[in-house]
Amino acid sequence: MTTGAQTPYPARPRRSRLRTFLPLGVAAWLVLETWLLTVVAGASNGLVVLLILVAGLVLGSAVIKRAGRRAFKNLTETLQQQQGGMLSEARPNSNSEGNGLTMLGGLLLIIPGVISDAVGLLLLVPPVQKAVSRHAERTFERKLREAAQGSLGDAFQQARMRRPDGKVVQGEVVRDEPGGAPEGTPQGPRPPLTR
């Protein structure tokens, strides 16, 4: 038997709540969707369940296709306005609001299940889209403010305060050695840094 100092196992970082509960939530959702489909099949028959699943697939595909075309059309119009020099006159397109939520609703319709179809249909309703969009925007801004305090975001904020014009100042690090230049370095001025 050997004796000696053994290194203890390094402490594992704590798992975030999302990483802990997301797999459990997905598993519970899958079980609930399967159970609801069997309840619908028991109340009617298997053909009705098949028709529900196919209708969700077709409707979801049509919704995603329409939202994708609308988003591509808005992107093309924006690019044409920028090329034409009409950037100052560019007006926000009210039809572009909710494209992401519309696509999410279509995706939820494509996913087989009764709950995902119901949530997908809810996301296609404009008042629900606006409410979800406002809630998501507020949550994102709050999380951004929380992350900015004393973190990397704070460093970017400080850099912006020092250089508001955003210019990059090129330079080099010069070490002051007590005995002159270190061994192996050429004497005289150094060439400027290049990209």
N, C-alpha and C. Protein backbone atom coordinates (compact mmCIF):
# COMPACT_ATOMS: atom_id res chain seq x y z
N MET A 1 0.84 -1.17 0.00
CA MET A 1 0.00 0.00 0.00
C MET A 1 0.89 1.23 0.00
N THR A 2 0.60 2.14 -0.87
CA THR A 2 1.43 3.34 -0.96
C THR A 2 0.80 4.44 -0.14
N THR A 3 1.67 5.19 0.44
CA THR A 3 1.19 6.35 1.19
C THR A 3 1.63 7.60 0.49
N GLY A 4 0.86 8.59 0.57
CA GLY A 4 1.21 9.85 -0.08
C GLY A 4 -0.01 10.74 -0.08
N ALA A 5 0.24 11.92 -0.49
CA ALA A 5 -0.86 12.90 -0.51
C ALA A 5 -1.72 12.65 -1.75
N GLN A 6 -2.95 12.40 -1.51
CA GLN A 6 -3.87 12.23 -2.62
C GLN A 6 -4.64 13.52 -2.81
N THR A 7 -4.82 13.87 -4.07
CA THR A 7 -5.56 15.10 -4.35
C THR A 7 -7.05 14.80 -4.26
N PRO A 8 -7.77 15.61 -3.55
CA PRO A 8 -9.21 15.39 -3.47
C PRO A 8 -9.85 15.71 -4.82
N TYR A 9 -11.01 15.17 -5.02
CA TYR A 9 -11.73 15.45 -6.26
C TYR A 9 -12.08 16.93 -6.30
N PRO A 10 -11.91 17.56 -7.45
CA PRO A 10 -12.27 18.98 -7.51
C PRO A 10 -13.78 19.15 -7.37
N ALA A 11 -14.15 20.25 -6.79
CA ALA A 11 -15.58 20.51 -6.58
C ALA A 11 -16.26 20.74 -7.92
N ARG A 12 -17.35 20.03 -8.10
CA ARG A 12 -18.10 20.20 -9.35
C ARG A 12 -18.93 21.46 -9.25
N PRO A 13 -19.01 22.21 -10.35
CA PRO A 13 -19.85 23.41 -10.30
C PRO A 13 -21.32 23.02 -10.17
N ARG A 14 -22.08 23.87 -9.51
CA ARG A 14 -23.51 23.60 -9.31
C ARG A 14 -24.24 23.68 -10.64
N ARG A 15 -25.17 22.77 -10.81
CA ARG A 15 -25.99 22.80 -12.02
C ARG A 15 -27.02 23.90 -11.90
N SER A 16 -27.27 24.56 -12.99
CA SER A 16 -28.29 25.61 -12.97
C SER A 16 -29.67 24.97 -12.86
N ARG A 17 -30.62 25.76 -12.46
CA ARG A 17 -32.00 25.24 -12.32
C ARG A 17 -32.54 24.79 -13.67
N LEU A 18 -32.18 25.53 -14.72
CA LEU A 18 -32.66 25.17 -16.05
C LEU A 18 -32.15 23.79 -16.45
N ARG A 19 -30.88 23.53 -16.24
CA ARG A 19 -30.31 22.23 -16.59
C ARG A 19 -30.87 21.12 -15.72
N THR A 20 -31.33 21.45 -14.52
CA THR A 20 -31.88 20.43 -13.63
C THR A 20 -33.32 20.11 -14.00
N PHE A 21 -34.13 21.13 -14.22
CA PHE A 21 -35.56 20.91 -14.39
C PHE A 21 -36.02 20.80 -15.84
N LEU A 22 -35.23 21.22 -16.81
CA LEU A 22 -35.65 21.13 -18.21
C LEU A 22 -35.86 19.69 -18.66
N PRO A 23 -34.94 18.77 -18.40
CA PRO A 23 -35.21 17.38 -18.81
C PRO A 23 -36.45 16.79 -18.14
N LEU A 24 -36.66 17.13 -16.87
CA LEU A 24 -37.87 16.65 -16.18
C LEU A 24 -39.13 17.23 -16.80
N GLY A 25 -39.08 18.51 -17.14
CA GLY A 25 -40.24 19.16 -17.76
C GLY A 25 -40.55 18.57 -19.13
N VAL A 26 -39.51 18.32 -19.93
CA VAL A 26 -39.73 17.72 -21.26
C VAL A 26 -40.30 16.32 -21.12
N ALA A 27 -39.78 15.54 -20.18
CA ALA A 27 -40.30 14.19 -19.98
C ALA A 27 -41.76 14.22 -19.53
N ALA A 28 -42.09 15.11 -18.60
CA ALA A 28 -43.49 15.22 -18.13
C ALA A 28 -44.40 15.67 -19.27
N TRP A 29 -43.91 16.60 -20.09
CA TRP A 29 -44.71 17.08 -21.23
C TRP A 29 -44.97 15.94 -22.22
N LEU A 30 -43.95 15.13 -22.52
CA LEU A 30 -44.12 14.01 -23.45
C LEU A 30 -45.11 12.99 -22.91
N VAL A 31 -45.01 12.71 -21.63
CA VAL A 31 -45.94 11.74 -21.02
C VAL A 31 -47.37 12.29 -21.07
N LEU A 32 -47.54 13.57 -20.75
CA LEU A 32 -48.87 14.18 -20.77
C LEU A 32 -49.45 14.20 -22.19
N GLU A 33 -48.62 14.54 -23.19
CA GLU A 33 -49.10 14.55 -24.57
C GLU A 33 -49.53 13.15 -25.01
N THR A 34 -48.75 12.15 -24.68
CA THR A 34 -49.10 10.77 -25.04
C THR A 34 -50.39 10.34 -24.36
N TRP A 35 -50.52 10.67 -23.08
CA TRP A 35 -51.74 10.32 -22.36
C TRP A 35 -52.96 11.00 -22.96
N LEU A 36 -52.84 12.30 -23.31
CA LEU A 36 -53.98 13.00 -23.91
C LEU A 36 -54.36 12.41 -25.27
N LEU A 37 -53.36 12.03 -26.06
CA LEU A 37 -53.67 11.40 -27.35
C LEU A 37 -54.39 10.07 -27.16
N THR A 38 -54.01 9.31 -26.14
CA THR A 38 -54.71 8.04 -25.88
C THR A 38 -56.13 8.29 -25.37
N VAL A 39 -56.32 9.36 -24.60
CA VAL A 39 -57.67 9.70 -24.13
C VAL A 39 -58.55 10.09 -25.31
N VAL A 40 -58.01 10.91 -26.24
CA VAL A 40 -58.78 11.29 -27.43
C VAL A 40 -59.08 10.06 -28.28
N ALA A 41 -58.10 9.17 -28.43
CA ALA A 41 -58.32 7.95 -29.21
C ALA A 41 -59.36 7.06 -28.54
N GLY A 42 -59.37 7.01 -27.21
CA GLY A 42 -60.37 6.21 -26.50
C GLY A 42 -61.76 6.80 -26.60
N ALA A 43 -61.85 8.14 -26.63
CA ALA A 43 -63.16 8.79 -26.71
C ALA A 43 -63.73 8.70 -28.12
N SER A 44 -62.90 8.68 -29.11
CA SER A 44 -63.40 8.58 -30.48
C SER A 44 -62.80 7.33 -31.12
N ASN A 45 -61.81 7.50 -31.99
CA ASN A 45 -61.08 6.36 -32.54
C ASN A 45 -59.71 6.83 -33.04
N GLY A 46 -58.91 5.91 -33.49
CA GLY A 46 -57.56 6.23 -33.93
C GLY A 46 -57.52 7.11 -35.15
N LEU A 47 -58.57 7.05 -36.00
CA LEU A 47 -58.60 7.87 -37.21
C LEU A 47 -58.69 9.35 -36.85
N VAL A 48 -59.45 9.67 -35.81
CA VAL A 48 -59.57 11.07 -35.38
C VAL A 48 -58.22 11.58 -34.88
N VAL A 49 -57.49 10.79 -34.15
CA VAL A 49 -56.16 11.19 -33.67
C VAL A 49 -55.23 11.41 -34.85
N LEU A 50 -55.28 10.51 -35.83
CA LEU A 50 -54.45 10.67 -37.02
C LEU A 50 -54.81 11.95 -37.77
N LEU A 51 -56.10 12.24 -37.89
CA LEU A 51 -56.53 13.47 -38.57
C LEU A 51 -56.07 14.72 -37.81
N ILE A 52 -56.12 14.67 -36.48
CA ILE A 52 -55.65 15.81 -35.67
C ILE A 52 -54.16 16.04 -35.90
N LEU A 53 -53.39 14.96 -35.90
CA LEU A 53 -51.95 15.08 -36.09
C LEU A 53 -51.60 15.59 -37.49
N VAL A 54 -52.28 15.09 -38.51
CA VAL A 54 -52.02 15.53 -39.89
C VAL A 54 -52.46 16.97 -40.07
N ALA A 55 -53.61 17.35 -39.49
CA ALA A 55 -54.08 18.74 -39.61
C ALA A 55 -53.09 19.70 -38.94
N GLY A 56 -52.56 19.31 -37.78
CA GLY A 56 -51.56 20.14 -37.12
C GLY A 56 -50.30 20.29 -37.96
N LEU A 57 -49.87 19.23 -38.60
CA LEU A 57 -48.69 19.27 -39.45
C LEU A 57 -48.90 20.19 -40.65
N VAL A 58 -50.05 20.05 -41.31
CA VAL A 58 -50.33 20.87 -42.50
C VAL A 58 -50.50 22.34 -42.11
N LEU A 59 -51.28 22.61 -41.07
CA LEU A 59 -51.50 23.99 -40.65
C LEU A 59 -50.20 24.64 -40.16
N GLY A 60 -49.42 23.91 -39.39
CA GLY A 60 -48.15 24.45 -38.90
C GLY A 60 -47.19 24.75 -40.03
N SER A 61 -47.12 23.88 -41.02
CA SER A 61 -46.25 24.12 -42.17
C SER A 61 -46.68 25.36 -42.94
N ALA A 62 -47.99 25.53 -43.12
CA ALA A 62 -48.49 26.70 -43.83
C ALA A 62 -48.19 27.99 -43.06
N VAL A 63 -48.34 27.95 -41.75
CA VAL A 63 -48.07 29.13 -40.92
C VAL A 63 -46.59 29.51 -40.98
N ILE A 64 -45.71 28.51 -40.86
CA ILE A 64 -44.28 28.78 -40.90
C ILE A 64 -43.88 29.31 -42.28
N LYS A 65 -44.43 28.74 -43.32
CA LYS A 65 -44.11 29.18 -44.68
C LYS A 65 -44.55 30.63 -44.89
N ARG A 66 -45.73 30.97 -44.43
CA ARG A 66 -46.24 32.34 -44.59
C ARG A 66 -45.40 33.34 -43.78
N ALA A 67 -45.09 33.00 -42.55
CA ALA A 67 -44.28 33.89 -41.71
C ALA A 67 -42.87 34.03 -42.25
N GLY A 68 -42.32 32.97 -42.78
CA GLY A 68 -40.99 33.03 -43.38
C GLY A 68 -40.97 33.90 -44.61
N ARG A 69 -41.98 33.78 -45.44
CA ARG A 69 -42.06 34.65 -46.64
C ARG A 69 -42.19 36.11 -46.24
N ARG A 70 -43.00 36.37 -45.22
CA ARG A 70 -43.19 37.75 -44.77
C ARG A 70 -41.89 38.31 -44.20
N ALA A 71 -41.16 37.51 -43.44
CA ALA A 71 -39.88 37.97 -42.88
C ALA A 71 -38.86 38.21 -43.99
N PHE A 72 -38.82 37.33 -45.00
CA PHE A 72 -37.88 37.51 -46.11
C PHE A 72 -38.25 38.74 -46.92
N LYS A 73 -39.54 38.98 -47.11
CA LYS A 73 -39.98 40.17 -47.86
C LYS A 73 -39.57 41.43 -47.11
N ASN A 74 -39.75 41.45 -45.79
CA ASN A 74 -39.36 42.62 -44.99
C ASN A 74 -37.85 42.85 -45.03
N LEU A 75 -37.09 41.76 -44.99
CA LEU A 75 -35.64 41.87 -45.08
C LEU A 75 -35.22 42.45 -46.43
N THR A 76 -35.84 41.97 -47.51
CA THR A 76 -35.51 42.47 -48.84
C THR A 76 -35.86 43.94 -48.98
N GLU A 77 -37.01 44.34 -48.45
CA GLU A 77 -37.40 45.76 -48.51
C GLU A 77 -36.42 46.63 -47.73
N THR A 78 -36.00 46.16 -46.57
CA THR A 78 -35.05 46.92 -45.76
C THR A 78 -33.72 47.08 -46.48
N LEU A 79 -33.24 46.00 -47.08
CA LEU A 79 -31.98 46.08 -47.83
C LEU A 79 -32.09 47.01 -49.03
N GLN A 80 -33.22 46.99 -49.72
CA GLN A 80 -33.41 47.88 -50.86
C GLN A 80 -33.47 49.33 -50.40
N GLN A 81 -34.09 49.60 -49.25
CA GLN A 81 -34.14 50.96 -48.73
C GLN A 81 -32.76 51.45 -48.35
N GLN A 82 -31.94 50.57 -47.78
CA GLN A 82 -30.59 50.98 -47.40
C GLN A 82 -29.73 51.23 -48.62
N GLN A 83 -29.90 50.44 -49.66
CA GLN A 83 -29.12 50.65 -50.88
C GLN A 83 -29.57 51.89 -51.61
N GLY A 84 -30.83 52.22 -51.52
CA GLY A 84 -31.36 53.40 -52.20
C GLY A 84 -31.12 54.68 -51.43
N GLY A 85 -30.49 54.60 -50.27
CA GLY A 85 -30.22 55.80 -49.48
C GLY A 85 -31.42 56.30 -48.72
N MET A 86 -32.44 55.48 -48.56
CA MET A 86 -33.65 55.91 -47.87
C MET A 86 -33.63 55.46 -46.41
N LEU A 87 -32.44 55.30 -45.87
CA LEU A 87 -32.34 54.79 -44.50
C LEU A 87 -32.97 55.75 -43.51
N SER A 88 -32.83 57.05 -43.74
CA SER A 88 -33.41 58.00 -42.79
C SER A 88 -34.93 58.02 -42.88
N GLU A 89 -35.46 57.65 -44.05
CA GLU A 89 -36.91 57.64 -44.21
C GLU A 89 -37.52 56.28 -43.94
N ALA A 90 -36.67 55.32 -43.55
CA ALA A 90 -37.17 53.96 -43.33
C ALA A 90 -38.15 53.95 -42.17
N ARG A 91 -39.30 53.37 -42.42
CA ARG A 91 -40.32 53.30 -41.38
C ARG A 91 -40.43 51.85 -40.94
N PRO A 92 -40.67 51.63 -39.68
CA PRO A 92 -40.83 50.25 -39.24
C PRO A 92 -42.09 49.65 -39.81
N ASN A 93 -41.99 48.44 -40.29
CA ASN A 93 -43.12 47.76 -40.89
C ASN A 93 -43.94 47.09 -39.79
N SER A 94 -45.20 47.46 -39.70
CA SER A 94 -46.04 46.90 -38.64
C SER A 94 -46.35 45.43 -38.89
N ASN A 95 -46.21 44.97 -40.14
CA ASN A 95 -46.48 43.56 -40.43
C ASN A 95 -45.36 42.66 -39.95
N SER A 96 -44.17 43.23 -39.68
CA SER A 96 -43.05 42.40 -39.28
C SER A 96 -43.12 42.00 -37.81
N GLU A 97 -43.97 42.64 -37.03
CA GLU A 97 -44.07 42.30 -35.62
C GLU A 97 -44.68 40.91 -35.46
N GLY A 98 -44.06 40.12 -34.62
CA GLY A 98 -44.63 38.81 -34.32
C GLY A 98 -44.24 37.70 -35.26
N ASN A 99 -43.30 37.93 -36.19
CA ASN A 99 -42.90 36.85 -37.09
C ASN A 99 -42.28 35.69 -36.31
N GLY A 100 -41.46 35.99 -35.33
CA GLY A 100 -40.84 34.93 -34.55
C GLY A 100 -41.85 34.13 -33.77
N LEU A 101 -42.81 34.82 -33.15
CA LEU A 101 -43.84 34.10 -32.39
C LEU A 101 -44.78 33.34 -33.32
N THR A 102 -45.02 33.87 -34.53
CA THR A 102 -45.84 33.15 -35.49
C THR A 102 -45.14 31.86 -35.91
N MET A 103 -43.83 31.97 -36.14
CA MET A 103 -43.08 30.75 -36.50
C MET A 103 -43.06 29.75 -35.35
N LEU A 104 -42.92 30.26 -34.13
CA LEU A 104 -42.96 29.37 -32.97
C LEU A 104 -44.32 28.68 -32.85
N GLY A 105 -45.39 29.43 -33.10
CA GLY A 105 -46.72 28.84 -33.08
C GLY A 105 -46.87 27.76 -34.14
N GLY A 106 -46.33 28.02 -35.34
CA GLY A 106 -46.37 27.01 -36.40
C GLY A 106 -45.58 25.77 -36.04
N LEU A 107 -44.42 25.97 -35.40
CA LEU A 107 -43.60 24.83 -34.98
C LEU A 107 -44.33 24.00 -33.93
N LEU A 108 -45.00 24.68 -33.01
CA LEU A 108 -45.76 23.95 -31.99
C LEU A 108 -46.93 23.19 -32.60
N LEU A 109 -47.50 23.73 -33.68
CA LEU A 109 -48.57 23.01 -34.36
C LEU A 109 -48.03 21.76 -35.06
N ILE A 110 -46.81 21.84 -35.58
CA ILE A 110 -46.22 20.69 -36.26
C ILE A 110 -45.90 19.57 -35.28
N ILE A 111 -45.45 19.92 -34.08
CA ILE A 111 -45.10 18.91 -33.08
C ILE A 111 -46.37 18.14 -32.70
N PRO A 112 -46.34 16.82 -32.75
CA PRO A 112 -47.54 16.05 -32.45
C PRO A 112 -47.95 16.20 -30.99
N GLY A 113 -49.21 16.46 -30.78
CA GLY A 113 -49.73 16.57 -29.42
C GLY A 113 -50.87 17.57 -29.34
N VAL A 114 -51.69 17.40 -28.33
CA VAL A 114 -52.85 18.25 -28.15
C VAL A 114 -52.46 19.56 -27.46
N ILE A 115 -51.61 19.49 -26.45
CA ILE A 115 -51.21 20.70 -25.71
C ILE A 115 -50.38 21.61 -26.61
N SER A 116 -49.43 21.03 -27.34
CA SER A 116 -48.60 21.85 -28.22
C SER A 116 -49.45 22.50 -29.31
N ASP A 117 -50.47 21.81 -29.80
CA ASP A 117 -51.37 22.41 -30.79
C ASP A 117 -52.16 23.57 -30.19
N ALA A 118 -52.62 23.40 -28.96
CA ALA A 118 -53.39 24.47 -28.31
C ALA A 118 -52.52 25.70 -28.06
N VAL A 119 -51.29 25.49 -27.60
CA VAL A 119 -50.38 26.62 -27.36
C VAL A 119 -50.00 27.27 -28.69
N GLY A 120 -49.77 26.46 -29.71
CA GLY A 120 -49.45 27.00 -31.04
C GLY A 120 -50.58 27.84 -31.59
N LEU A 121 -51.81 27.39 -31.44
CA LEU A 121 -52.95 28.18 -31.91
C LEU A 121 -53.09 29.48 -31.12
N LEU A 122 -52.82 29.42 -29.80
CA LEU A 122 -52.87 30.64 -28.99
C LEU A 122 -51.83 31.66 -29.45
N LEU A 123 -50.64 31.19 -29.84
CA LEU A 123 -49.60 32.11 -30.28
C LEU A 123 -49.91 32.75 -31.63
N LEU A 124 -50.90 32.25 -32.33
CA LEU A 124 -51.28 32.85 -33.61
C LEU A 124 -52.27 34.00 -33.43
N VAL A 125 -52.81 34.17 -32.24
CA VAL A 125 -53.76 35.25 -31.96
C VAL A 125 -52.97 36.53 -31.68
N PRO A 126 -53.23 37.63 -32.44
CA PRO A 126 -52.42 38.85 -32.30
C PRO A 126 -52.36 39.44 -30.89
N PRO A 127 -53.45 39.54 -30.12
CA PRO A 127 -53.31 40.09 -28.76
C PRO A 127 -52.40 39.23 -27.87
N VAL A 128 -52.47 37.91 -28.04
CA VAL A 128 -51.61 37.03 -27.25
C VAL A 128 -50.16 37.22 -27.67
N GLN A 129 -49.92 37.38 -28.98
CA GLN A 129 -48.56 37.63 -29.47
C GLN A 129 -47.98 38.90 -28.86
N LYS A 130 -48.78 39.97 -28.82
CA LYS A 130 -48.29 41.23 -28.27
C LYS A 130 -47.99 41.10 -26.78
N ALA A 131 -48.86 40.41 -26.05
CA ALA A 131 -48.63 40.24 -24.61
C ALA A 131 -47.38 39.40 -24.35
N VAL A 132 -47.21 38.31 -25.09
CA VAL A 132 -46.03 37.45 -24.92
C VAL A 132 -44.77 38.22 -25.31
N SER A 133 -44.85 39.01 -26.38
CA SER A 133 -43.70 39.78 -26.83
C SER A 133 -43.28 40.82 -25.79
N ARG A 134 -44.25 41.53 -25.22
CA ARG A 134 -43.93 42.52 -24.18
C ARG A 134 -43.32 41.85 -22.96
N HIS A 135 -43.90 40.71 -22.55
CA HIS A 135 -43.36 40.00 -21.39
C HIS A 135 -41.94 39.51 -21.65
N ALA A 136 -41.69 38.97 -22.82
CA ALA A 136 -40.35 38.48 -23.16
C ALA A 136 -39.35 39.63 -23.21
N GLU A 137 -39.76 40.77 -23.74
CA GLU A 137 -38.87 41.92 -23.82
C GLU A 137 -38.51 42.44 -22.43
N ARG A 138 -39.51 42.53 -21.54
CA ARG A 138 -39.23 42.99 -20.17
C ARG A 138 -38.32 42.01 -19.44
N THR A 139 -38.56 40.72 -19.61
CA THR A 139 -37.73 39.71 -18.95
C THR A 139 -36.30 39.78 -19.47
N PHE A 140 -36.14 39.93 -20.79
CA PHE A 140 -34.81 40.01 -21.38
C PHE A 140 -34.06 41.24 -20.87
N GLU A 141 -34.74 42.38 -20.80
CA GLU A 141 -34.08 43.60 -20.30
C GLU A 141 -33.70 43.47 -18.83
N ARG A 142 -34.56 42.84 -18.03
CA ARG A 142 -34.26 42.65 -16.61
C ARG A 142 -33.05 41.73 -16.44
N LYS A 143 -33.01 40.64 -17.18
CA LYS A 143 -31.87 39.72 -17.10
C LYS A 143 -30.59 40.40 -17.58
N LEU A 144 -30.70 41.25 -18.58
CA LEU A 144 -29.53 41.96 -19.09
C LEU A 144 -29.01 42.94 -18.04
N ARG A 145 -29.91 43.62 -17.36
CA ARG A 145 -29.48 44.54 -16.28
C ARG A 145 -28.83 43.78 -15.14
N GLU A 146 -29.40 42.63 -14.76
CA GLU A 146 -28.84 41.83 -13.69
C GLU A 146 -27.46 41.30 -14.05
N ALA A 147 -27.29 40.90 -15.31
CA ALA A 147 -26.00 40.36 -15.74
C ALA A 147 -24.95 41.46 -15.88
N ALA A 148 -25.38 42.69 -16.10
CA ALA A 148 -24.44 43.77 -16.34
C ALA A 148 -23.78 44.27 -15.07
N GLN A 149 -24.33 43.97 -13.92
CA GLN A 149 -23.78 44.47 -12.66
C GLN A 149 -22.59 43.62 -12.24
N GLY A 150 -21.39 44.20 -12.35
CA GLY A 150 -20.18 43.54 -11.88
C GLY A 150 -19.74 42.37 -12.74
N SER A 151 -20.07 42.38 -14.01
CA SER A 151 -19.68 41.27 -14.87
C SER A 151 -19.03 41.82 -16.13
N LEU A 152 -18.97 40.99 -17.13
CA LEU A 152 -18.38 41.38 -18.39
C LEU A 152 -19.16 42.52 -19.03
N GLY A 153 -20.46 42.53 -18.86
CA GLY A 153 -21.27 43.63 -19.39
C GLY A 153 -20.88 44.95 -18.76
N ASP A 154 -20.51 44.94 -17.48
CA ASP A 154 -20.07 46.15 -16.80
C ASP A 154 -18.76 46.66 -17.40
N ALA A 155 -17.88 45.74 -17.75
CA ALA A 155 -16.61 46.15 -18.38
C ALA A 155 -16.86 46.80 -19.73
N PHE A 156 -17.78 46.27 -20.50
CA PHE A 156 -18.11 46.89 -21.78
C PHE A 156 -18.71 48.28 -21.58
N GLN A 157 -19.53 48.43 -20.56
CA GLN A 157 -20.12 49.73 -20.26
C GLN A 157 -19.02 50.73 -19.89
N GLN A 158 -18.05 50.33 -19.09
CA GLN A 158 -16.97 51.22 -18.72
C GLN A 158 -16.13 51.59 -19.93
N ALA A 159 -15.88 50.65 -20.81
CA ALA A 159 -15.10 50.95 -22.01
C ALA A 159 -15.85 51.93 -22.90
N ARG A 160 -17.15 51.81 -22.96
CA ARG A 160 -17.93 52.73 -23.77
C ARG A 160 -17.90 54.12 -23.16
N MET A 161 -17.86 54.22 -21.84
CA MET A 161 -17.83 55.53 -21.20
C MET A 161 -16.50 56.22 -21.46
N ARG A 162 -15.43 55.46 -21.52
CA ARG A 162 -14.13 56.07 -21.75
C ARG A 162 -13.96 56.48 -23.20
N ARG A 163 -14.44 55.68 -24.12
CA ARG A 163 -14.31 55.96 -25.54
C ARG A 163 -15.69 55.96 -26.17
N PRO A 164 -16.44 57.05 -26.06
CA PRO A 164 -17.80 57.05 -26.59
C PRO A 164 -17.86 56.99 -28.11
N ASP A 165 -16.76 57.40 -28.78
CA ASP A 165 -16.80 57.36 -30.23
C ASP A 165 -16.56 55.96 -30.78
N GLY A 166 -16.10 55.03 -29.93
CA GLY A 166 -15.93 53.65 -30.34
C GLY A 166 -14.65 53.39 -31.12
N LYS A 167 -13.73 54.35 -31.19
CA LYS A 167 -12.50 54.16 -31.94
C LYS A 167 -11.57 53.20 -31.20
N VAL A 168 -10.83 52.43 -31.98
CA VAL A 168 -9.86 51.50 -31.43
C VAL A 168 -8.50 52.16 -31.49
N VAL A 169 -7.84 52.23 -30.37
CA VAL A 169 -6.51 52.83 -30.31
C VAL A 169 -5.50 51.71 -30.34
N GLN A 170 -4.65 51.72 -31.38
CA GLN A 170 -3.63 50.69 -31.48
C GLN A 170 -2.44 51.08 -30.63
N GLY A 171 -1.80 50.10 -30.07
CA GLY A 171 -0.64 50.36 -29.24
C GLY A 171 0.09 49.08 -28.96
N GLU A 172 1.10 49.16 -28.13
CA GLU A 172 1.86 47.98 -27.76
C GLU A 172 2.26 48.09 -26.30
N VAL A 173 2.59 46.97 -25.72
CA VAL A 173 3.01 46.93 -24.32
C VAL A 173 4.52 47.08 -24.28
N VAL A 174 4.99 48.04 -23.48
CA VAL A 174 6.42 48.24 -23.32
C VAL A 174 6.75 47.99 -21.87
N ARG A 175 7.66 47.06 -21.63
CA ARG A 175 8.05 46.73 -20.27
C ARG A 175 9.31 47.52 -19.92
N ASP A 176 9.29 48.12 -18.78
CA ASP A 176 10.47 48.82 -18.28
C ASP A 176 11.29 47.86 -17.46
N GLU A 177 12.35 47.35 -18.02
CA GLU A 177 13.22 46.43 -17.31
C GLU A 177 14.25 47.25 -16.54
N PRO A 178 14.57 46.85 -15.32
CA PRO A 178 15.52 47.64 -14.53
C PRO A 178 16.91 47.69 -15.14
N GLY A 179 17.36 46.71 -15.85
CA GLY A 179 18.71 46.70 -16.40
C GLY A 179 18.74 47.04 -17.87
N GLY A 180 17.80 47.78 -18.38
CA GLY A 180 17.76 48.09 -19.81
C GLY A 180 16.86 47.10 -20.53
N ALA A 181 17.13 46.89 -21.79
CA ALA A 181 16.32 45.99 -22.60
C ALA A 181 16.66 44.55 -22.25
N PRO A 182 15.67 43.67 -22.23
CA PRO A 182 15.95 42.27 -21.93
C PRO A 182 16.79 41.64 -23.03
N GLU A 183 17.41 40.52 -22.68
CA GLU A 183 18.28 39.85 -23.63
C GLU A 183 17.47 39.36 -24.83
N GLY A 184 18.08 39.45 -26.00
CA GLY A 184 17.45 38.94 -27.21
C GLY A 184 16.52 39.92 -27.88
N THR A 185 16.35 41.12 -27.35
CA THR A 185 15.47 42.09 -27.99
C THR A 185 16.34 43.10 -28.71
N PRO A 186 15.94 43.51 -29.89
CA PRO A 186 16.74 44.49 -30.63
C PRO A 186 16.67 45.86 -29.97
N GLN A 187 17.76 46.60 -30.08
CA GLN A 187 17.80 47.95 -29.54
C GLN A 187 17.18 48.91 -30.57
N GLY A 188 16.66 49.99 -30.10
CA GLY A 188 16.09 50.99 -31.00
C GLY A 188 14.58 50.93 -31.01
N PRO A 189 13.97 51.79 -31.84
CA PRO A 189 12.49 51.85 -31.88
C PRO A 189 11.91 50.58 -32.50
N ARG A 190 10.75 50.23 -32.02
CA ARG A 190 10.06 49.04 -32.52
C ARG A 190 9.14 49.45 -33.66
N PRO A 191 8.91 48.53 -34.60
CA PRO A 191 7.99 48.85 -35.69
C PRO A 191 6.56 48.91 -35.16
N PRO A 192 5.69 49.67 -35.82
CA PRO A 192 4.29 49.76 -35.36
C PRO A 192 3.56 48.43 -35.59
N LEU A 193 2.56 48.21 -34.77
CA LEU A 193 1.73 47.01 -34.92
C LEU A 193 0.88 47.11 -36.16
N THR A 194 0.72 46.05 -36.86
CA THR A 194 -0.15 46.03 -38.04
C THR A 194 -1.20 44.97 -37.85
N ARG A 195 -2.19 45.02 -38.68
CA ARG A 195 -3.27 44.04 -38.58
C ARG A 195 -2.84 42.77 -39.10
